[in-house]
Structure formats: structure tokens, C-alpha cells
Amino acid sequence: MPKEVQTVTTFLESDGEILILLRSQHVRTFKGVWGAVSGMIDNGRNPDEQALVEIEEETGLDVTDI
């Protein structure tokens, strides 16, 4: 049976527009697919904490920007 992996997905909206990102060809899954900010929950973080980590990693925005 495959290992269960928990993930978070975050949609960022500004002035009625939603950010959609093109996934890199260098990631393990869903290469070249459009989607929201997402990632695996790791290091004992809760989903909200992990969402903030993914937002910063993928967009450069920090908690004060959102």
C-alpha cells in the first residue's frame, strides 16, 4: 500500500485575481501543470504553518505580505 502523504494547497487572491503557478519540470510530481501554491506537510508543522512556508518558498512573499 502506498505511503500516505499530507499536503496543503493555498489559493492567493488579490483584487479579484487568483494566483496560479506553473509547476517546474524539476519537481517530482505534476511537472508542467498549472496549480495553486502547495506542498507536503513536514517537520511536525500544522497545515497553516506549512502553508506559510510554501507561500514563502514558491512566491517570495512572507506573512507580512499576505
N, C-alpha and C. Protein backbone atom coordinates (compact mmCIF):
# COMPACT_ATOMS: atom_id res chain seq x y z
N MET A 1 0.84 -1.18 0.00
CA MET A 1 0.00 0.00 0.00
C MET A 1 0.89 1.24 0.00
N PRO A 2 0.56 2.25 -0.83
CA PRO A 2 1.39 3.46 -0.89
C PRO A 2 1.38 4.23 0.43
N LYS A 3 2.48 4.90 0.68
CA LYS A 3 2.61 5.73 1.88
C LYS A 3 1.67 6.92 1.78
N GLU A 4 0.99 7.23 2.87
CA GLU A 4 0.09 8.39 2.90
C GLU A 4 0.92 9.65 3.09
N VAL A 5 0.62 10.67 2.31
CA VAL A 5 1.32 11.95 2.39
C VAL A 5 0.28 13.05 2.55
N GLN A 6 0.45 13.88 3.56
CA GLN A 6 -0.45 15.00 3.76
C GLN A 6 0.12 16.23 3.06
N THR A 7 -0.75 16.98 2.40
CA THR A 7 -0.33 18.17 1.67
C THR A 7 -1.23 19.35 2.01
N VAL A 8 -0.75 20.53 1.68
CA VAL A 8 -1.56 21.75 1.77
C VAL A 8 -1.60 22.41 0.40
N THR A 9 -2.71 23.04 0.11
CA THR A 9 -2.85 23.83 -1.11
C THR A 9 -3.44 25.17 -0.71
N THR A 10 -2.82 26.25 -1.19
CA THR A 10 -3.23 27.59 -0.81
C THR A 10 -3.51 28.41 -2.06
N PHE A 11 -4.67 29.02 -2.09
CA PHE A 11 -5.03 29.92 -3.18
C PHE A 11 -4.84 31.35 -2.69
N LEU A 12 -4.05 32.13 -3.41
CA LEU A 12 -3.81 33.52 -3.06
C LEU A 12 -4.63 34.40 -3.99
N GLU A 13 -5.38 35.34 -3.40
CA GLU A 13 -6.26 36.24 -4.17
C GLU A 13 -5.90 37.68 -3.85
N SER A 14 -5.89 38.50 -4.87
CA SER A 14 -5.64 39.93 -4.70
C SER A 14 -6.47 40.68 -5.74
N ASP A 15 -7.27 41.60 -5.28
CA ASP A 15 -8.10 42.41 -6.17
C ASP A 15 -8.90 41.56 -7.16
N GLY A 16 -9.44 40.44 -6.67
CA GLY A 16 -10.28 39.59 -7.50
C GLY A 16 -9.53 38.64 -8.43
N GLU A 17 -8.20 38.67 -8.39
CA GLU A 17 -7.40 37.77 -9.23
C GLU A 17 -6.79 36.68 -8.35
N ILE A 18 -6.73 35.47 -8.88
CA ILE A 18 -6.18 34.33 -8.15
C ILE A 18 -4.86 33.92 -8.79
N LEU A 19 -3.84 33.73 -7.94
CA LEU A 19 -2.52 33.33 -8.41
C LEU A 19 -2.52 31.85 -8.77
N ILE A 20 -2.15 31.54 -10.00
CA ILE A 20 -1.97 30.16 -10.46
C ILE A 20 -0.54 30.06 -10.98
N LEU A 21 0.17 29.02 -10.55
CA LEU A 21 1.59 28.86 -10.87
C LEU A 21 1.81 27.65 -11.77
N LEU A 22 2.78 27.73 -12.65
CA LEU A 22 3.18 26.61 -13.49
C LEU A 22 4.27 25.83 -12.76
N ARG A 23 4.00 24.56 -12.49
CA ARG A 23 4.98 23.74 -11.77
C ARG A 23 6.21 23.48 -12.64
N SER A 24 7.33 23.45 -12.00
CA SER A 24 8.62 23.23 -12.65
C SER A 24 8.71 21.83 -13.27
N GLN A 25 9.61 21.68 -14.22
CA GLN A 25 9.92 20.38 -14.76
C GLN A 25 10.87 19.61 -13.84
N HIS A 26 11.34 20.27 -12.78
CA HIS A 26 12.32 19.67 -11.87
C HIS A 26 11.70 19.17 -10.58
N VAL A 27 10.38 19.13 -10.47
CA VAL A 27 9.73 18.60 -9.28
C VAL A 27 9.37 17.14 -9.53
N ARG A 28 9.04 16.45 -8.47
CA ARG A 28 8.77 15.02 -8.58
C ARG A 28 7.40 14.70 -9.18
N THR A 29 6.39 15.52 -8.87
CA THR A 29 5.03 15.21 -9.32
C THR A 29 4.42 16.38 -10.08
N PHE A 30 3.50 16.09 -10.95
CA PHE A 30 2.71 17.09 -11.69
C PHE A 30 3.59 18.11 -12.42
N LYS A 31 4.65 17.63 -13.04
CA LYS A 31 5.56 18.51 -13.79
C LYS A 31 4.81 19.25 -14.89
N GLY A 32 5.05 20.56 -14.99
CA GLY A 32 4.47 21.36 -16.05
C GLY A 32 2.97 21.57 -15.95
N VAL A 33 2.40 21.35 -14.78
CA VAL A 33 0.96 21.51 -14.58
C VAL A 33 0.69 22.83 -13.84
N TRP A 34 -0.38 23.50 -14.20
CA TRP A 34 -0.77 24.73 -13.52
C TRP A 34 -1.49 24.40 -12.22
N GLY A 35 -1.24 25.18 -11.17
CA GLY A 35 -1.91 24.94 -9.89
C GLY A 35 -1.65 26.04 -8.89
N ALA A 36 -2.19 25.84 -7.71
CA ALA A 36 -2.02 26.79 -6.61
C ALA A 36 -0.73 26.47 -5.86
N VAL A 37 -0.41 27.27 -4.88
CA VAL A 37 0.76 27.05 -4.03
C VAL A 37 0.47 25.80 -3.19
N SER A 38 1.37 24.83 -3.24
CA SER A 38 1.11 23.60 -2.49
C SER A 38 2.41 22.90 -2.12
N GLY A 39 2.29 21.99 -1.17
CA GLY A 39 3.45 21.21 -0.76
C GLY A 39 3.10 20.23 0.33
N MET A 40 4.04 19.33 0.61
CA MET A 40 3.84 18.32 1.64
C MET A 40 4.01 18.94 3.02
N ILE A 41 3.21 18.48 3.96
CA ILE A 41 3.35 18.91 5.36
C ILE A 41 4.50 18.10 5.97
N ASP A 42 5.47 18.81 6.52
CA ASP A 42 6.61 18.11 7.10
C ASP A 42 7.08 18.78 8.38
N ASN A 43 8.07 18.17 9.01
CA ASN A 43 8.72 18.71 10.21
C ASN A 43 7.75 18.98 11.35
N GLY A 44 6.66 18.21 11.45
CA GLY A 44 5.71 18.38 12.55
C GLY A 44 4.89 19.65 12.48
N ARG A 45 4.89 20.33 11.35
CA ARG A 45 4.12 21.57 11.22
C ARG A 45 2.64 21.25 11.08
N ASN A 46 1.80 22.23 11.48
CA ASN A 46 0.38 22.08 11.21
C ASN A 46 0.12 22.65 9.81
N PRO A 47 -1.06 22.40 9.24
CA PRO A 47 -1.33 22.86 7.87
C PRO A 47 -1.16 24.36 7.66
N ASP A 48 -1.58 25.17 8.62
CA ASP A 48 -1.42 26.63 8.47
C ASP A 48 0.05 27.04 8.42
N GLU A 49 0.86 26.44 9.29
CA GLU A 49 2.29 26.74 9.30
C GLU A 49 2.94 26.33 7.98
N GLN A 50 2.58 25.14 7.49
CA GLN A 50 3.17 24.65 6.25
C GLN A 50 2.73 25.50 5.06
N ALA A 51 1.48 25.97 5.09
CA ALA A 51 1.01 26.84 4.00
C ALA A 51 1.87 28.09 3.92
N LEU A 52 2.20 28.69 5.06
CA LEU A 52 3.04 29.89 5.06
C LEU A 52 4.44 29.59 4.53
N VAL A 53 4.99 28.43 4.89
CA VAL A 53 6.30 28.02 4.39
C VAL A 53 6.26 27.89 2.87
N GLU A 54 5.23 27.21 2.35
CA GLU A 54 5.12 27.01 0.90
C GLU A 54 4.93 28.34 0.17
N ILE A 55 4.14 29.24 0.72
CA ILE A 55 3.93 30.55 0.09
C ILE A 55 5.26 31.28 -0.03
N GLU A 56 6.04 31.28 1.05
CA GLU A 56 7.33 31.97 1.01
C GLU A 56 8.29 31.30 0.02
N GLU A 57 8.36 29.96 0.04
CA GLU A 57 9.26 29.25 -0.86
C GLU A 57 8.90 29.47 -2.33
N GLU A 58 7.62 29.44 -2.63
CA GLU A 58 7.19 29.46 -4.04
C GLU A 58 6.94 30.85 -4.60
N THR A 59 6.72 31.85 -3.73
CA THR A 59 6.41 33.20 -4.24
C THR A 59 7.35 34.27 -3.73
N GLY A 60 8.07 34.01 -2.64
CA GLY A 60 8.92 35.03 -2.04
C GLY A 60 8.16 35.95 -1.09
N LEU A 61 6.85 35.75 -0.97
CA LEU A 61 6.04 36.56 -0.05
C LEU A 61 6.19 36.01 1.36
N ASP A 62 6.23 36.89 2.36
CA ASP A 62 6.22 36.40 3.74
C ASP A 62 4.90 36.76 4.40
N VAL A 63 4.76 36.35 5.65
CA VAL A 63 3.48 36.50 6.34
C VAL A 63 3.01 37.97 6.38
N THR A 64 3.93 38.93 6.40
CA THR A 64 3.53 40.34 6.43
C THR A 64 3.01 40.81 5.07
N ASP A 65 3.32 40.06 4.00
CA ASP A 65 2.85 40.43 2.67
C ASP A 65 1.44 39.92 2.38
N ILE A 66 1.01 38.94 3.14
CA ILE A 66 -0.29 38.35 2.83
C ILE A 66 -1.32 38.73 3.82
